[in-house]
């Protein structure tokens, strides 16, 4: 019988839907109606799913919140989204209380964290509520805020779907993720992020057997695959790196024969890492590419990737890709430029909450620019160079940090790497590399890059760090690292990249 589980908690779908209906009644009693928003400030947990489903029953929008946020950034999101209610885990209550204002705050018990006793407690609250029995209202997807690489984070608002549109969208998402009905799937990433959120909520709506990891741990992922005979999971490249770091004796301990599909996205995967994952799991690895705004637009399976190493795939369905220059000219195959995507039919129309001009500015001829640089080959396969905001311009030459980072990760002893531009009085920018590594010198790092890439891609500055800051999705917080290299004085004449 399909079920949904997270940590030590497991529910069948009848119980999950009953609890969601009870939450819906509680929200309605507080005045939440269609069009309102409900903030979810929680770790991975089954109440996260219940609250999301409950909001949907009322036509309200769940707003997943990155639980790392605090202070002004958290206050901004709550105010900007207009959330009327906040659900927060007990350990996060002290963080959200100072910015909650007069919003209803529901405290959800979490692991060993002691309840504060200052707010309504989720489990007790549920016992007081009858299930919502009215017909569901057309509901939009979760309103997820982008990471804010440039300026304030932006809330992505999508049109609500009819039941027919919702079914077509679910089929498209299943295809993109490599899921089929009846599979047992696992979500190892934080569900406040777009892809894991969609994976989790669409999977729950479809009633498939669903395992959610409270927090990613490479060996625990292997144990869960064996224990629950998992057929499918979705990962990010950093998870692959950490899985491959496990000793061979540990990796061989677990029976992974139930796996039928592994899908990854969210960040470029170094080719050597992907080859090793395919060698381990078999030719069941699938990749897709898109943005929080566009959904998955491009995909490839293992066979396609091995025939076109480094690609992220070809358009899904009737989706399409164009590459434009900075001056708006469409570029031919083999020439790098700004990637513009046209999502496949069925992906809901979106805008940025409170900022329609920003939405309009990213569109050209019906294609959307999500800020990446890349090129198409003659077979129509897409390759990524880097984020446009990360590109280094040194002496008038465009340099893509992702290429250098992939090279560094192939050097024995390197665990992680962040490459970015720093001020240079002659060249405008030069290359800095911050590296987590064991037993290496800066000269050895430079020699490795020089042996594999052009000389102008060799880092000028090499710094060894104990722990590079990454989001739970695996994306580097580069802005935190490079901020120390760029003058904060606006009169200096040197401006940091956003």
Protein backbone atom coordinates (compact mmCIF):
# COMPACT_ATOMS: atom_id res chain seq x y z
CA UNK A 1 0.00 0.00 0.00
CA UNK A 2 1.58 3.37 -1.00
CA UNK A 3 2.44 5.62 1.93
CA UNK A 4 4.34 8.79 2.71
CA UNK A 5 7.11 8.81 5.30
CA UNK A 6 9.69 11.18 6.76
CA UNK A 7 12.11 10.16 9.48
CA UNK A 8 10.23 7.97 11.97
CA UNK A 9 6.78 9.14 10.85
CA UNK A 10 4.72 7.25 8.28
CA UNK A 11 1.14 7.88 7.13
CA UNK A 12 -1.12 6.24 4.62
CA UNK A 13 -2.76 8.63 2.20
CA UNK A 14 -6.19 8.46 3.81
CA UNK A 15 -4.70 9.77 7.04
CA UNK A 16 -2.61 12.39 5.25
CA UNK A 17 -5.64 13.75 3.39
CA UNK A 18 -7.75 13.73 6.57
CA UNK A 19 -5.13 15.78 8.43
CA UNK A 20 -4.82 18.20 5.51
CA UNK A 21 -8.60 18.66 5.53
CA UNK A 22 -8.48 19.42 9.26
CA UNK A 23 -5.77 22.06 8.69
CA UNK A 24 -7.93 23.57 5.93
CA UNK A 25 -10.78 24.00 8.39
CA UNK A 26 -8.45 25.70 10.87
CA UNK A 27 -7.19 28.08 8.20
CA UNK A 28 -10.73 28.88 7.05
CA UNK A 29 -11.75 29.64 10.65
CA UNK A 30 -8.92 32.17 10.73
CA UNK A 31 -10.32 33.81 7.59
CA UNK A 32 -8.00 32.30 4.99
CA UNK A 33 -9.73 32.12 1.61
CA UNK A 34 -8.84 31.72 -2.06
CA UNK A 35 -5.98 34.02 -3.04
CA UNK A 36 -4.52 34.25 0.46
CA UNK A 37 -1.05 32.97 1.34
CA UNK A 38 0.23 30.70 4.09
CA UNK A 39 3.92 30.67 5.06
CA UNK A 40 5.66 27.36 5.87
CA UNK A 41 8.86 27.89 7.86
CA UNK A 42 9.81 24.28 8.45
CA UNK A 43 12.37 21.57 7.86
CA UNK A 44 11.41 18.54 5.78
CA UNK A 45 8.48 16.99 7.64
CA UNK A 46 5.05 15.54 6.87
CA UNK A 47 3.18 18.58 8.29
CA UNK A 48 4.92 20.60 5.53
CA UNK A 49 3.00 18.48 3.01
CA UNK A 50 -0.23 18.60 5.02
CA UNK A 51 -0.23 22.39 5.24
CA UNK A 52 0.56 22.73 1.52
CA UNK A 53 -2.36 20.45 0.64
CA UNK A 54 -4.65 22.26 3.08
CA UNK A 55 -3.93 25.65 1.53
CA UNK A 56 -4.72 24.18 -1.88
CA UNK A 57 -8.15 22.96 -0.72
CA UNK A 58 -9.05 26.58 0.01
CA UNK A 59 -7.51 28.01 -3.16
CA UNK A 60 -4.83 29.65 -1.01
CA UNK A 61 -1.13 29.51 -1.86
CA UNK A 62 1.53 27.84 0.31
CA UNK A 63 4.72 29.90 0.62
CA UNK A 64 7.69 27.66 1.47
CA UNK A 65 10.38 29.60 3.35
CA UNK A 66 14.08 28.75 3.43
CA UNK A 67 14.58 27.94 7.11
CA UNK A 68 18.11 29.39 7.00
CA UNK A 69 16.65 32.89 6.56
CA UNK A 70 16.37 35.25 9.49
CA UNK A 71 15.93 38.88 10.45
CA UNK A 72 15.34 41.37 7.63
CA UNK A 73 15.32 38.79 4.82
CA UNK A 74 12.66 36.74 6.59
CA UNK A 75 10.62 39.84 7.43
CA UNK A 76 10.79 40.92 3.79
CA UNK A 77 9.41 37.60 2.55
CA UNK A 78 6.55 37.52 5.04
CA UNK A 79 5.58 41.12 4.26
CA UNK A 80 6.05 40.84 0.50
CA UNK A 81 4.05 37.61 0.22
CA UNK A 82 1.26 38.93 2.45
CA UNK A 83 1.17 35.62 4.31
CA UNK A 84 -1.64 35.60 6.90
CA UNK A 85 -0.55 32.50 8.82
CA UNK A 86 2.88 31.03 9.62
CA UNK A 87 3.58 27.39 10.41
CA UNK A 88 7.00 26.97 12.05
CA UNK A 89 8.93 24.17 13.71
CA UNK A 90 9.65 24.60 17.41
CA UNK A 91 13.38 25.16 16.90
CA UNK A 92 12.61 27.97 14.42
CA UNK A 93 10.06 29.80 16.57
CA UNK A 94 12.67 32.14 18.16
CA UNK A 95 13.80 33.13 14.66
CA UNK A 96 10.34 33.94 13.28
CA UNK A 97 8.73 35.48 16.38
CA UNK A 98 10.45 38.90 16.08
CA UNK A 99 9.12 39.38 12.53
CA UNK A 100 5.77 37.55 12.73
CA UNK A 101 3.78 40.68 13.59
CA UNK A 102 0.11 39.96 14.23
CA UNK A 103 0.02 36.86 12.02
CA UNK A 104 -1.31 33.62 13.45
CA UNK A 105 1.71 31.48 14.34
CA UNK A 106 1.22 27.71 14.60
CA UNK A 107 4.04 25.81 16.30
CA UNK A 108 4.85 22.39 14.86
CA UNK A 109 6.72 20.04 17.19
CA UNK A 110 10.06 18.93 15.76
CA UNK A 111 12.44 16.21 16.95
CA UNK A 112 14.03 16.96 20.29
CA UNK A 113 13.26 20.69 20.25
CA UNK A 114 11.15 21.57 23.27
CA UNK A 115 7.88 23.36 22.42
CA UNK A 116 7.95 26.99 23.48
CA UNK A 117 4.41 26.96 24.87
CA UNK A 118 3.84 30.45 23.47
CA UNK A 119 1.70 29.48 20.46
CA UNK A 120 -0.94 27.03 19.33
CA UNK A 121 0.59 23.60 18.97
CA UNK A 122 -0.09 21.88 15.69
CA UNK A 123 -1.04 18.40 16.92
CA UNK A 124 -3.38 19.66 19.65
CA UNK A 125 -4.91 22.15 17.22
CA UNK A 126 -5.73 19.35 14.80
CA UNK A 127 -7.72 17.46 17.42
CA UNK A 128 -10.05 20.46 17.71
CA UNK A 129 -10.82 20.65 13.98
CA UNK A 130 -13.33 18.81 11.83
CA UNK A 131 -12.23 17.95 8.27
CA UNK A 132 -12.97 20.48 5.54
CA UNK A 133 -15.78 19.05 3.45
CA UNK A 134 -16.46 21.66 0.76
CA UNK A 135 -15.34 21.14 -2.82
CA UNK A 136 -11.69 22.04 -3.47
CA UNK A 137 -11.05 25.45 -5.03
CA UNK A 138 -8.76 25.91 -8.02
CA UNK A 139 -5.37 26.45 -6.46
CA UNK A 140 -2.02 27.68 -7.79
CA UNK A 141 1.30 25.97 -7.11
CA UNK A 142 3.48 26.97 -4.19
CA UNK A 143 4.78 30.55 -4.31
CA UNK A 144 8.53 30.03 -4.07
CA UNK A 145 10.98 32.88 -3.75
CA UNK A 146 14.08 32.87 -5.92
CA UNK A 147 17.42 32.93 -4.16
CA UNK A 148 18.01 36.60 -4.85
CA UNK A 149 21.24 36.39 -6.86
CA UNK A 150 20.46 39.90 -8.07
CA UNK A 151 18.56 42.17 -5.70
CA UNK A 152 15.72 41.07 -3.46
CA UNK A 153 14.30 37.55 -3.80
CA UNK A 154 11.26 37.46 -6.08
CA UNK A 155 8.11 35.48 -5.42
CA UNK A 156 7.04 33.37 -8.40
CA UNK A 157 3.26 33.42 -8.87
CA UNK A 158 1.61 30.95 -11.24
CA UNK A 159 -1.87 30.79 -12.66
CA UNK A 160 -4.23 28.31 -11.01
CA UNK A 161 -5.02 25.23 -13.08
CA UNK A 162 -8.24 23.41 -13.85
CA UNK A 163 -8.36 19.69 -12.96
CA UNK A 164 -7.68 18.87 -16.61
CA UNK A 165 -4.75 21.26 -16.78
CA UNK A 166 -3.48 19.91 -13.47
CA UNK A 167 -3.52 16.34 -14.79
CA UNK A 168 -1.63 17.38 -17.92
CA UNK A 169 0.89 19.30 -15.81
CA UNK A 170 1.42 16.30 -13.50
CA UNK A 171 2.08 14.10 -16.55
CA UNK A 172 4.64 16.62 -17.84
CA UNK A 173 6.36 16.74 -14.44
CA UNK A 174 6.45 12.94 -14.22
CA UNK A 175 8.06 12.81 -17.66
CA UNK A 176 10.62 15.48 -16.76
CA UNK A 177 11.55 13.73 -13.49
CA UNK A 178 11.64 10.27 -15.07
CA UNK A 179 8.80 9.09 -12.81
CA UNK A 180 6.11 6.58 -13.69
CA UNK A 181 2.95 5.69 -11.72
CA UNK A 182 3.60 2.95 -9.20
CA UNK A 183 7.23 3.89 -8.60
CA UNK A 184 8.55 4.29 -5.05
CA UNK A 185 10.36 7.62 -5.00
CA UNK A 186 12.62 9.42 -2.54
CA UNK A 187 13.11 13.16 -1.94
CA UNK A 188 16.53 13.87 -0.37
CA UNK A 189 16.58 17.68 -0.81
CA UNK A 190 14.85 20.46 1.17
CA UNK A 191 11.26 20.89 0.02
CA UNK A 192 11.33 24.67 0.41
CA UNK A 193 13.17 24.64 -2.96
CA UNK A 194 11.28 24.43 -6.24
CA UNK A 195 12.20 21.03 -7.69
CA UNK A 196 11.95 19.05 -4.43
CA UNK A 197 8.72 20.90 -3.59
CA UNK A 198 7.17 19.99 -6.94
CA UNK A 199 8.50 16.42 -6.69
CA UNK A 200 7.03 16.01 -3.22
CA UNK A 201 3.64 17.66 -3.70
CA UNK A 202 2.91 16.23 -7.14
CA UNK A 203 3.97 12.81 -5.89
CA UNK A 204 1.69 13.13 -2.86
CA UNK A 205 -1.22 14.34 -5.00
CA UNK A 206 -0.73 11.27 -7.22
CA UNK A 207 -0.62 9.00 -4.17
CA UNK A 208 2.69 7.33 -5.03
CA UNK A 209 4.90 5.79 -2.35
CA UNK A 210 7.02 8.70 -1.15
CA UNK A 211 9.98 8.85 1.22
CA UNK A 212 11.23 12.28 2.33
CA UNK A 213 14.63 12.58 3.99
CA UNK A 214 14.63 15.03 6.94
CA UNK A 215 18.16 15.93 5.89
CA UNK A 216 20.47 14.55 3.22
CA UNK A 217 23.08 12.06 4.36
CA UNK A 218 24.80 9.94 1.70
CA UNK A 219 24.92 6.65 3.59
CA UNK A 220 21.39 7.10 4.92
CA UNK A 221 20.18 7.59 1.34
CA UNK A 222 21.66 4.21 0.39
CA UNK A 223 20.08 2.60 3.44
CA UNK A 224 16.66 4.01 2.58
CA UNK A 225 16.92 2.77 -1.01
CA UNK A 226 17.60 -0.74 0.24
CA UNK A 227 15.04 -0.68 3.08
CA UNK A 228 12.11 0.73 1.08
CA UNK A 229 13.12 -0.73 -2.31
CA UNK A 230 13.22 2.77 -3.78
CA UNK A 231 12.86 2.93 -7.57
CA UNK A 232 13.57 6.62 -8.12
CA UNK A 233 15.18 9.64 -6.51
CA UNK A 234 16.05 13.19 -7.49
CA UNK A 235 19.45 14.66 -6.60
CA UNK A 236 21.75 17.59 -7.14
CA UNK A 237 25.38 17.16 -8.26
CA UNK A 238 26.77 17.88 -4.78
CA UNK A 239 24.91 14.82 -3.53
CA UNK A 240 26.63 12.73 -6.20
CA UNK A 241 30.01 14.05 -5.05
CA UNK A 242 29.25 13.10 -1.44
CA UNK A 243 27.95 9.68 -2.43
CA UNK A 244 31.12 9.00 -4.42
CA UNK A 245 33.26 10.00 -1.43
CA UNK A 246 31.87 7.09 0.59
CA UNK A 247 34.41 4.27 0.94
CA UNK A 248 33.92 1.48 -1.59
CA UNK A 249 33.23 -0.93 1.27
CA UNK A 250 30.30 1.24 2.41
CA UNK A 251 28.91 1.70 -1.10
CA UNK A 252 29.01 -2.05 -1.72
CA UNK A 253 27.15 -2.79 1.52
CA UNK A 254 23.74 -1.74 0.18
CA UNK A 255 21.46 -3.41 -2.35
CA UNK A 256 20.49 -0.75 -4.88
CA UNK A 257 19.03 -3.15 -7.44
CA UNK A 258 15.53 -1.66 -7.03
CA UNK A 259 16.63 1.64 -8.63
CA UNK A 260 15.06 2.27 -12.03
CA UNK A 261 15.71 6.01 -12.48
CA UNK A 262 17.88 8.72 -10.94
CA UNK A 263 17.33 12.32 -12.02
CA UNK A 264 19.44 15.38 -11.26
CA UNK A 265 19.21 19.14 -11.85
CA UNK A 266 19.74 22.53 -10.11
CA UNK A 267 23.46 22.98 -10.91
CA UNK A 268 25.99 21.89 -13.55
CA UNK A 269 27.35 18.39 -12.94
CA UNK A 270 31.08 17.96 -13.64
CA UNK A 271 31.39 15.40 -16.48
CA UNK A 272 33.75 13.12 -14.55
CA UNK A 273 31.33 12.98 -11.61
CA UNK A 274 28.45 12.10 -13.94
CA UNK A 275 30.44 9.35 -15.66
CA UNK A 276 31.23 7.78 -12.29
CA UNK A 277 27.58 7.95 -11.20
CA UNK A 278 26.45 6.28 -14.44
CA UNK A 279 29.15 3.61 -13.97
CA UNK A 280 27.80 2.98 -10.44
CA UNK A 281 24.03 3.17 -10.90
CA UNK A 282 23.91 2.10 -14.52
CA UNK A 283 22.43 3.91 -17.54
CA UNK A 284 19.38 5.03 -15.53
CA UNK A 285 20.61 8.56 -14.83
CA UNK A 286 18.51 11.36 -16.29
CA UNK A 287 19.13 15.11 -16.21
CA UNK A 288 16.87 18.07 -16.78
CA UNK A 289 17.43 21.81 -16.95
CA UNK A 290 15.24 24.84 -16.46
CA UNK A 291 14.51 27.43 -13.82
CA UNK A 292 12.11 27.98 -10.97
CA UNK A 293 10.18 30.20 -13.37
CA UNK A 294 10.10 27.86 -16.37
CA UNK A 295 10.11 24.39 -14.88
CA UNK A 296 12.09 21.71 -16.65
CA UNK A 297 12.47 22.61 -20.34
CA UNK A 298 15.37 20.42 -21.43
CA UNK A 299 16.30 16.82 -20.58
CA UNK A 300 18.52 13.92 -21.55
CA UNK A 301 18.95 10.30 -20.54
CA UNK A 302 22.25 8.48 -19.98
CA UNK A 303 22.52 7.28 -23.58
CA UNK A 304 22.05 10.81 -24.94
CA UNK A 305 24.52 12.27 -22.44
CA UNK A 306 27.21 9.68 -23.22
CA UNK A 307 26.80 10.49 -26.92
CA UNK A 308 26.97 14.23 -26.15
CA UNK A 309 29.17 14.49 -23.01
CA UNK A 310 28.48 17.59 -20.96
CA UNK A 311 25.04 18.34 -22.41
CA UNK A 312 21.98 19.02 -20.27
CA UNK A 313 19.76 17.74 -23.07
CA UNK A 314 17.26 18.73 -25.75
CA UNK A 315 13.86 20.44 -25.41
CA UNK A 316 11.04 18.51 -23.74
CA UNK A 317 7.84 18.13 -25.79
CA UNK A 318 7.12 21.27 -27.77
CA UNK A 319 9.51 23.39 -25.70
CA UNK A 320 12.33 25.21 -27.46
CA UNK A 321 15.68 26.93 -26.91
CA UNK A 322 17.28 29.96 -28.47
CA UNK A 323 20.67 31.51 -27.82
CA UNK A 324 20.87 35.31 -28.06
CA UNK A 325 23.78 37.72 -27.99
CA UNK A 326 23.82 40.62 -25.55
CA UNK A 327 22.58 42.83 -28.40
CA UNK A 328 19.60 40.57 -29.14
CA UNK A 329 20.85 38.62 -32.17
CA UNK A 330 19.98 34.94 -32.38
CA UNK A 331 23.24 32.99 -32.41
CA UNK A 332 24.12 29.88 -34.45
CA UNK A 333 25.15 26.45 -33.13
CA UNK A 334 28.47 26.42 -31.34
CA UNK A 335 28.32 30.08 -30.25
CA UNK A 336 27.82 30.92 -26.58
CA UNK A 337 25.27 33.49 -25.49
CA UNK A 338 22.32 34.00 -23.19
CA UNK A 339 20.04 30.97 -23.00
CA UNK A 340 16.35 31.69 -23.65
CA UNK A 341 13.78 28.98 -22.96
CA UNK A 342 10.23 28.43 -24.17
CA UNK A 343 8.62 26.00 -21.70
CA UNK A 344 6.62 23.06 -23.05
CA UNK A 345 2.87 23.48 -23.31
CA UNK A 346 1.07 22.93 -20.04
CA UNK A 347 3.52 24.76 -17.80
CA UNK A 348 1.50 27.48 -16.03
CA UNK A 349 2.03 31.12 -16.94
CA UNK A 350 3.88 33.00 -14.20
CA UNK A 351 4.77 36.47 -13.07
CA UNK A 352 6.86 37.91 -10.25
CA UNK A 353 4.75 39.00 -7.31
CA UNK A 354 4.59 42.79 -7.26
CA UNK A 355 7.11 43.11 -10.09
CA UNK A 356 5.54 42.50 -13.52
CA UNK A 357 8.19 44.71 -15.15
CA UNK A 358 10.90 42.29 -14.07
CA UNK A 359 8.92 39.48 -15.65
CA UNK A 360 8.47 41.41 -18.89
CA UNK A 361 12.17 42.28 -19.07
CA UNK A 362 13.26 38.61 -19.15
CA UNK A 363 11.18 37.76 -22.26
CA UNK A 364 12.27 38.01 -25.87
CA UNK A 365 10.04 36.75 -28.70
CA UNK A 366 8.18 34.50 -26.26
CA UNK A 367 11.40 32.99 -24.88
CA UNK A 368 12.55 33.51 -21.27
CA UNK A 369 16.05 34.48 -20.12
CA UNK A 370 16.77 32.91 -16.71
CA UNK A 371 20.31 34.23 -16.52
CA UNK A 372 22.45 31.39 -17.88
CA UNK A 373 25.12 31.34 -20.59
CA UNK A 374 25.45 28.40 -22.97
CA UNK A 375 25.34 27.12 -26.53
CA UNK A 376 23.63 24.55 -28.76
CA UNK A 377 25.45 21.93 -30.80
CA UNK A 378 24.44 21.00 -34.34
CA UNK A 379 22.17 18.24 -33.01
CA UNK A 380 20.22 20.71 -30.90
CA UNK A 381 21.71 19.67 -27.54
CA UNK A 382 22.24 22.43 -24.97
CA UNK A 383 25.48 22.98 -23.03
CA UNK A 384 25.87 25.33 -20.07
CA UNK A 385 28.85 27.61 -19.56
CA UNK A 386 27.80 29.37 -16.36
CA UNK A 387 25.45 31.85 -14.76
CA UNK A 388 25.72 35.24 -16.48
CA UNK A 389 26.16 36.80 -13.04
CA UNK A 390 29.16 34.52 -12.33
CA UNK A 391 30.97 35.08 -15.62
CA UNK A 392 34.42 36.66 -15.26
CA UNK A 393 35.55 39.22 -17.84
CA UNK A 394 39.34 39.42 -17.70
CA UNK A 395 41.12 41.57 -20.24
CA UNK A 396 38.00 41.48 -22.40
CA UNK A 397 37.87 37.66 -22.39
CA UNK A 398 34.82 35.81 -21.04
CA UNK A 399 35.78 33.13 -18.51
CA UNK A 400 33.27 30.67 -17.07
CA UNK A 401 33.96 29.62 -13.46
CA UNK A 402 31.96 26.37 -13.76
CA UNK A 403 34.52 25.00 -16.22
CA UNK A 404 37.39 25.73 -13.82
CA UNK A 405 35.46 24.33 -10.84
CA UNK A 406 34.83 21.08 -12.74
CA UNK A 407 38.54 20.86 -13.53
CA UNK A 408 39.48 21.41 -9.87
CA UNK A 409 37.08 18.70 -8.69
CA UNK A 410 39.01 16.18 -10.79
CA UNK A 411 42.20 16.90 -8.80
CA UNK A 412 42.72 14.25 -6.07
CA UNK A 413 42.39 15.85 -2.66
CA UNK A 414 39.91 18.53 -3.71
CA UNK A 415 36.51 18.20 -1.99
CA UNK A 416 34.87 21.42 -3.15
CA UNK A 417 35.72 24.53 -5.14
CA UNK A 418 34.38 28.03 -5.74
CA UNK A 419 35.81 30.15 -8.56
CA UNK A 420 34.92 33.81 -9.11
CA UNK A 421 36.26 37.15 -10.30
CA UNK A 422 38.13 39.64 -8.15
CA UNK A 423 39.28 43.20 -8.93
CA UNK A 424 42.39 43.52 -11.08
CA UNK A 425 43.85 46.98 -11.91
CA UNK A 426 45.09 45.86 -15.33
CA UNK A 427 42.60 43.23 -16.48
CA UNK A 428 39.43 44.44 -14.78
CA UNK A 429 38.98 41.03 -13.13
CA UNK A 430 41.26 38.12 -12.37
CA UNK A 431 40.44 34.64 -11.12
CA UNK A 432 40.24 33.55 -7.50
CA UNK A 433 39.66 29.97 -6.35
CA UNK A 434 38.56 29.06 -2.84
CA UNK A 435 39.07 25.34 -2.30
CA UNK A 436 38.33 22.67 0.27
CA UNK A 437 41.26 20.28 -0.09
CA UNK A 438 43.70 18.01 1.70
CA UNK A 439 47.45 17.81 1.09
CA UNK A 440 47.70 20.32 -1.75
CA UNK A 441 49.57 23.56 -2.34
CA UNK A 442 48.45 26.55 -4.36
CA UNK A 443 51.13 25.81 -6.96
CA UNK A 444 49.86 22.24 -7.38
CA UNK A 445 46.35 23.60 -7.93
CA UNK A 446 47.56 26.03 -10.58
CA UNK A 447 49.66 23.36 -12.31
CA UNK A 448 46.64 21.08 -12.54
CA UNK A 449 44.48 23.77 -14.13
CA UNK A 450 47.28 24.79 -16.50
CA UNK A 451 47.65 21.17 -17.63
CA UNK A 452 43.98 20.88 -18.57
CA UNK A 453 42.77 24.38 -19.51
CA UNK A 454 44.03 27.49 -21.27
CA UNK A 455 46.62 29.49 -19.37
CA UNK A 456 44.33 32.49 -18.90
CA UNK A 457 41.98 30.26 -16.86
CA UNK A 458 44.57 29.53 -14.16
CA UNK A 459 43.57 31.13 -10.83
CA UNK A 460 45.71 34.05 -9.74
CA UNK A 461 44.58 33.68 -6.13
CA UNK A 462 44.15 30.27 -4.44
CA UNK A 463 42.73 30.10 -0.93
CA UNK A 464 42.15 26.93 1.09
CA UNK A 465 38.95 26.97 3.14
CA UNK A 466 37.66 24.50 5.71
CA UNK A 467 34.02 24.68 4.65
CA UNK A 468 32.63 26.51 1.61
CA UNK A 469 29.10 27.85 2.13
CA UNK A 470 26.49 26.01 0.08
CA UNK A 471 22.73 26.00 -0.05
CA UNK A 472 21.02 22.69 0.68
CA UNK A 473 20.49 22.33 -3.08
CA UNK A 474 24.24 22.36 -3.58
CA UNK A 475 24.47 25.85 -5.02
CA UNK A 476 27.44 27.83 -3.75
CA UNK A 477 26.90 31.09 -1.85
CA UNK A 478 29.59 32.72 -3.96
CA UNK A 479 28.46 36.23 -3.13
CA UNK A 480 29.39 35.64 0.52
CA UNK A 481 32.92 34.60 -0.40
CA UNK A 482 33.71 37.18 -3.05
CA UNK A 483 32.22 40.10 -1.12
CA UNK A 484 35.49 40.45 0.82
CA UNK A 485 37.40 41.18 -2.38
CA UNK A 486 35.21 44.01 -3.64
CA UNK A 487 35.25 47.49 -2.06
CA UNK A 488 32.07 48.43 -0.23
CA UNK A 489 32.82 52.13 -0.84
CA UNK A 490 30.58 53.27 -3.76
CA UNK A 491 33.05 56.09 -4.53
CA UNK A 492 35.90 53.65 -5.16
CA UNK A 493 35.04 53.25 -8.84
CA UNK A 494 35.10 49.47 -8.47
CA UNK A 495 31.73 47.79 -8.46
CA UNK A 496 31.20 44.18 -7.35
CA UNK A 497 29.21 41.90 -9.63
CA UNK A 498 25.67 41.27 -8.36
